């Protein structure tokens, strides 16, 4: 049995989110929350909120024991890209891509 939570359209590039995701993959949820609280990355705050949501889903929807939960899967996929223009010299326009991410967390119980 597994509990999932999704975070869509987060305004952080998937590369940057993936760095924080790698820190908490395969960790027990208590340790994962501790890691996220002490990680000085922008992505750690929304991922902590997402992890707490997944824990609540596991507890409420599937009656899973919170003490036995661990982060089985966590991954960040690219979302839609906001395309912006920056004016440059001699009338040129340079493209700025503001990337977004979709993050998914899957929690499972240890046997």
Protein backbone atom coordinates (compact mmCIF):
# COMPACT_ATOMS: atom_id res chain seq x y z
CA UNK A 1 0.00 0.00 0.00
CA UNK A 2 1.26 3.48 -0.80
CA UNK A 3 0.19 7.07 -0.21
CA UNK A 4 0.83 9.81 -2.77
CA UNK A 5 0.84 13.58 -2.89
CA UNK A 6 1.39 15.87 -5.87
CA UNK A 7 2.61 19.45 -6.13
CA UNK A 8 1.88 21.06 -9.48
CA UNK A 9 3.19 24.24 -11.14
CA UNK A 10 5.80 25.08 -8.50
CA UNK A 11 7.79 28.07 -9.80
CA UNK A 12 11.23 26.48 -9.31
CA UNK A 13 13.24 24.78 -12.07
CA UNK A 14 13.18 20.96 -11.96
CA UNK A 15 16.99 20.81 -11.73
CA UNK A 16 16.92 22.77 -8.49
CA UNK A 17 14.04 20.75 -7.02
CA UNK A 18 15.76 17.47 -7.94
CA UNK A 19 18.79 18.37 -5.78
CA UNK A 20 16.59 18.51 -2.68
CA UNK A 21 14.58 15.42 -3.74
CA UNK A 22 17.79 13.37 -3.85
CA UNK A 23 18.50 14.23 -0.20
CA UNK A 24 15.28 12.70 1.17
CA UNK A 25 14.74 9.72 -1.15
CA UNK A 26 14.60 6.38 0.81
CA UNK A 27 14.63 8.20 4.18
CA UNK A 28 12.13 7.70 7.04
CA UNK A 29 9.63 10.59 7.12
CA UNK A 30 10.86 11.97 10.46
CA UNK A 31 14.43 12.19 9.20
CA UNK A 32 13.26 13.58 5.84
CA UNK A 33 11.39 16.45 7.53
CA UNK A 34 14.49 17.19 9.61
CA UNK A 35 16.65 17.28 6.47
CA UNK A 36 14.21 19.62 4.72
CA UNK A 37 14.04 21.99 7.72
CA UNK A 38 17.84 22.35 7.73
CA UNK A 39 18.47 22.54 3.98
CA UNK A 40 19.15 26.11 2.78
CA UNK A 41 17.47 25.67 -0.63
CA UNK A 42 14.37 27.45 -1.93
CA UNK A 43 12.75 24.12 -2.85
CA UNK A 44 12.98 22.69 0.67
CA UNK A 45 10.00 24.66 2.06
CA UNK A 46 7.40 23.56 -0.55
CA UNK A 47 8.76 19.99 -0.44
CA UNK A 48 8.35 19.92 3.34
CA UNK A 49 4.75 21.03 2.95
CA UNK A 50 4.20 18.36 0.27
CA UNK A 51 5.74 15.66 2.48
CA UNK A 52 3.46 16.62 5.39
CA UNK A 53 0.49 16.40 3.01
CA UNK A 54 1.55 12.90 1.93
CA UNK A 55 1.90 11.86 5.59
CA UNK A 56 -1.62 13.16 6.31
CA UNK A 57 -2.94 11.27 3.25
CA UNK A 58 -1.32 8.05 4.46
CA UNK A 59 -2.67 8.44 7.98
CA UNK A 60 -6.19 9.57 7.09
CA UNK A 61 -6.97 7.69 3.86
CA UNK A 62 -5.05 4.43 4.33
CA UNK A 63 -4.71 4.13 8.16
CA UNK A 64 -0.93 3.68 7.85
CA UNK A 65 1.39 3.94 10.86
CA UNK A 66 3.32 7.24 10.66
CA UNK A 67 6.32 5.79 12.52
CA UNK A 68 6.85 3.15 9.81
CA UNK A 69 6.55 5.46 6.79
CA UNK A 70 9.46 6.21 4.48
CA UNK A 71 9.87 8.13 1.22
CA UNK A 72 9.71 5.36 -1.37
CA UNK A 73 9.72 7.64 -4.43
CA UNK A 74 10.09 11.36 -5.01
CA UNK A 75 10.64 12.94 -8.38
CA UNK A 76 10.31 16.30 -10.12
CA UNK A 77 9.10 16.54 -13.72
CA UNK A 78 9.16 19.70 -15.84
CA UNK A 79 5.92 21.65 -15.95
CA UNK A 80 4.91 24.41 -18.35
CA UNK A 81 7.52 27.04 -19.17
CA UNK A 82 6.67 30.74 -18.85
CA UNK A 83 8.37 32.45 -21.77
CA UNK A 84 9.47 36.04 -21.18
CA UNK A 85 11.42 38.58 -23.24
CA UNK A 86 14.33 40.72 -22.03
CA UNK A 87 15.22 43.76 -24.16
CA UNK A 88 18.88 43.86 -25.22
CA UNK A 89 21.11 46.23 -27.12
CA UNK A 90 20.27 47.44 -30.66
CA UNK A 91 16.61 46.49 -30.42
CA UNK A 92 17.17 42.78 -29.94
CA UNK A 93 15.07 40.65 -27.61
CA UNK A 94 16.42 37.71 -25.63
CA UNK A 95 14.20 34.90 -24.41
CA UNK A 96 14.02 34.11 -20.69
CA UNK A 97 12.48 30.76 -19.77
CA UNK A 98 10.90 30.67 -16.32
CA UNK A 99 10.63 26.96 -15.64
CA UNK A 100 8.08 25.21 -13.43
CA UNK A 101 7.99 21.75 -11.85
CA UNK A 102 5.54 19.00 -10.98
CA UNK A 103 6.67 17.05 -7.88
CA UNK A 104 5.30 13.67 -6.76
CA UNK A 105 5.95 11.95 -3.41
CA UNK A 106 5.11 8.29 -2.73
CA UNK A 107 5.23 7.00 0.86
CA UNK A 108 5.25 3.34 1.87
CA UNK A 109 5.31 1.45 5.16
CA UNK A 110 8.38 -0.54 6.21
CA UNK A 111 7.67 -4.23 6.70
